């Protein structure tokens, strides 16, 4: 069994068990700064299709963020980067509707909304 398959199985087992045993919400993003964010996102989507979809749901969104860097000549370089984010939660979560609404809203201030 290859490393990728073992890693996949471990990650899926941990996520599925945690979400089934706890009233949790998991939000994650795929690090885009090495140019491989979309590949990570696509791979995890393939992995997620192996989880029991009867109890766990996944929503995705893409957010464009401003990346600021200083080059070797001390000049500020601005660029836009697409960040792929997802939320995982049980369909029966008490705050399901609010969590999905907030995740997709793009609001920066989440206080008092759940």
Protein backbone atom coordinates (compact mmCIF):
# COMPACT_ATOMS: atom_id res chain seq x y z
CA UNK A 1 0.00 0.00 0.00
CA UNK A 2 1.49 3.35 -1.05
CA UNK A 3 2.08 6.33 1.20
CA UNK A 4 -0.65 8.37 -0.50
CA UNK A 5 -3.26 5.67 0.12
CA UNK A 6 -2.24 5.25 3.76
CA UNK A 7 -2.30 9.02 4.28
CA UNK A 8 -5.71 9.25 2.61
CA UNK A 9 -7.15 6.44 4.72
CA UNK A 10 -5.76 7.95 7.94
CA UNK A 11 -7.11 11.44 7.18
CA UNK A 12 -10.53 10.12 6.17
CA UNK A 13 -10.78 7.90 9.24
CA UNK A 14 -9.88 10.74 11.60
CA UNK A 15 -12.29 13.20 9.97
CA UNK A 16 -15.20 10.78 9.71
CA UNK A 17 -14.78 9.53 13.28
CA UNK A 18 -14.39 13.02 14.72
CA UNK A 19 -17.43 14.42 12.91
CA UNK A 20 -19.60 11.42 13.78
CA UNK A 21 -18.59 11.43 17.47
CA UNK A 22 -18.62 15.20 18.11
CA UNK A 23 -20.88 18.10 17.32
CA UNK A 24 -18.02 19.73 15.43
CA UNK A 25 -17.54 21.94 12.40
CA UNK A 26 -14.28 21.73 10.48
CA UNK A 27 -13.23 24.55 8.17
CA UNK A 28 -10.03 24.21 6.21
CA UNK A 29 -8.27 25.87 3.32
CA UNK A 30 -5.73 24.59 0.83
CA UNK A 31 -2.50 26.59 1.07
CA UNK A 32 -2.16 28.40 -2.27
CA UNK A 33 1.21 30.05 -1.84
CA UNK A 34 3.28 27.32 -3.50
CA UNK A 35 0.94 27.24 -6.51
CA UNK A 36 -0.51 23.84 -5.56
CA UNK A 37 -3.68 24.93 -3.72
CA UNK A 38 -6.02 23.79 -6.48
CA UNK A 39 -4.30 20.39 -6.69
CA UNK A 40 -4.74 19.91 -2.92
CA UNK A 41 -8.37 20.97 -3.22
CA UNK A 42 -9.03 18.52 -6.08
CA UNK A 43 -7.29 15.67 -4.24
CA UNK A 44 -9.24 16.21 -1.04
CA UNK A 45 -12.48 16.36 -3.04
CA UNK A 46 -11.64 12.92 -4.47
CA UNK A 47 -10.85 11.69 -0.96
CA UNK A 48 -14.04 13.15 0.49
CA UNK A 49 -16.15 11.15 -1.97
CA UNK A 50 -15.07 8.08 0.03
CA UNK A 51 -16.62 9.36 3.29
CA UNK A 52 -20.13 8.31 4.38
CA UNK A 53 -22.19 11.07 2.74
CA UNK A 54 -25.33 10.10 4.64
CA UNK A 55 -24.22 11.98 7.76
CA UNK A 56 -21.42 14.35 6.71
CA UNK A 57 -21.71 17.25 4.31
CA UNK A 58 -19.04 19.36 2.61
CA UNK A 59 -19.43 22.85 1.14
CA UNK A 60 -16.75 24.63 -0.85
CA UNK A 61 -15.93 28.20 -1.76
CA UNK A 62 -13.18 30.10 -3.45
CA UNK A 63 -11.93 33.38 -2.05
CA UNK A 64 -9.60 35.78 -3.84
CA UNK A 65 -7.19 37.41 -1.40
CA UNK A 66 -4.51 40.06 -1.82
CA UNK A 67 -0.99 38.72 -1.29
CA UNK A 68 1.69 41.24 -0.39
CA UNK A 69 5.40 40.46 -0.77
CA UNK A 70 8.61 42.47 -0.66
CA UNK A 71 11.01 41.73 -3.52
CA UNK A 72 14.83 41.76 -3.38
CA UNK A 73 14.81 45.52 -4.13
CA UNK A 74 12.45 46.25 -1.21
CA UNK A 75 9.54 46.93 -3.55
CA UNK A 76 6.04 45.92 -2.55
CA UNK A 77 4.51 43.38 -4.91
CA UNK A 78 0.76 42.90 -4.79
CA UNK A 79 -0.94 39.91 -6.35
CA UNK A 80 -4.28 38.20 -6.07
CA UNK A 81 -4.35 34.58 -4.96
CA UNK A 82 -7.30 32.19 -5.07
CA UNK A 83 -7.79 30.29 -1.81
CA UNK A 84 -9.92 27.15 -1.84
CA UNK A 85 -11.82 26.62 1.42
CA UNK A 86 -14.27 23.98 2.62
CA UNK A 87 -16.50 23.31 5.59
CA UNK A 88 -17.31 19.82 6.91
CA UNK A 89 -20.13 19.14 9.33
CA UNK A 90 -22.88 16.70 10.13
CA UNK A 91 -26.18 17.34 8.40
CA UNK A 92 -27.82 17.11 11.82
CA UNK A 93 -25.56 19.74 13.45
CA UNK A 94 -27.64 22.07 15.65
CA UNK A 95 -26.23 25.16 13.94
CA UNK A 96 -26.15 23.67 10.43
CA UNK A 97 -28.10 26.44 8.66
CA UNK A 98 -26.22 29.28 10.38
CA UNK A 99 -22.82 27.67 9.80
CA UNK A 100 -23.47 27.19 6.07
CA UNK A 101 -24.88 30.72 5.71
CA UNK A 102 -21.89 32.27 7.48
CA UNK A 103 -19.38 30.15 5.55
CA UNK A 104 -20.81 31.31 2.23
CA UNK A 105 -21.49 34.90 3.31
CA UNK A 106 -17.91 36.10 3.30
CA UNK A 107 -18.51 38.06 6.50
CA UNK A 108 -15.33 38.83 8.38
CA UNK A 109 -17.04 39.29 11.76
CA UNK A 110 -18.64 35.99 12.82
CA UNK A 111 -19.30 37.01 16.43
CA UNK A 112 -22.89 36.65 17.56
CA UNK A 113 -24.06 34.97 14.33
CA UNK A 114 -24.24 31.36 15.45
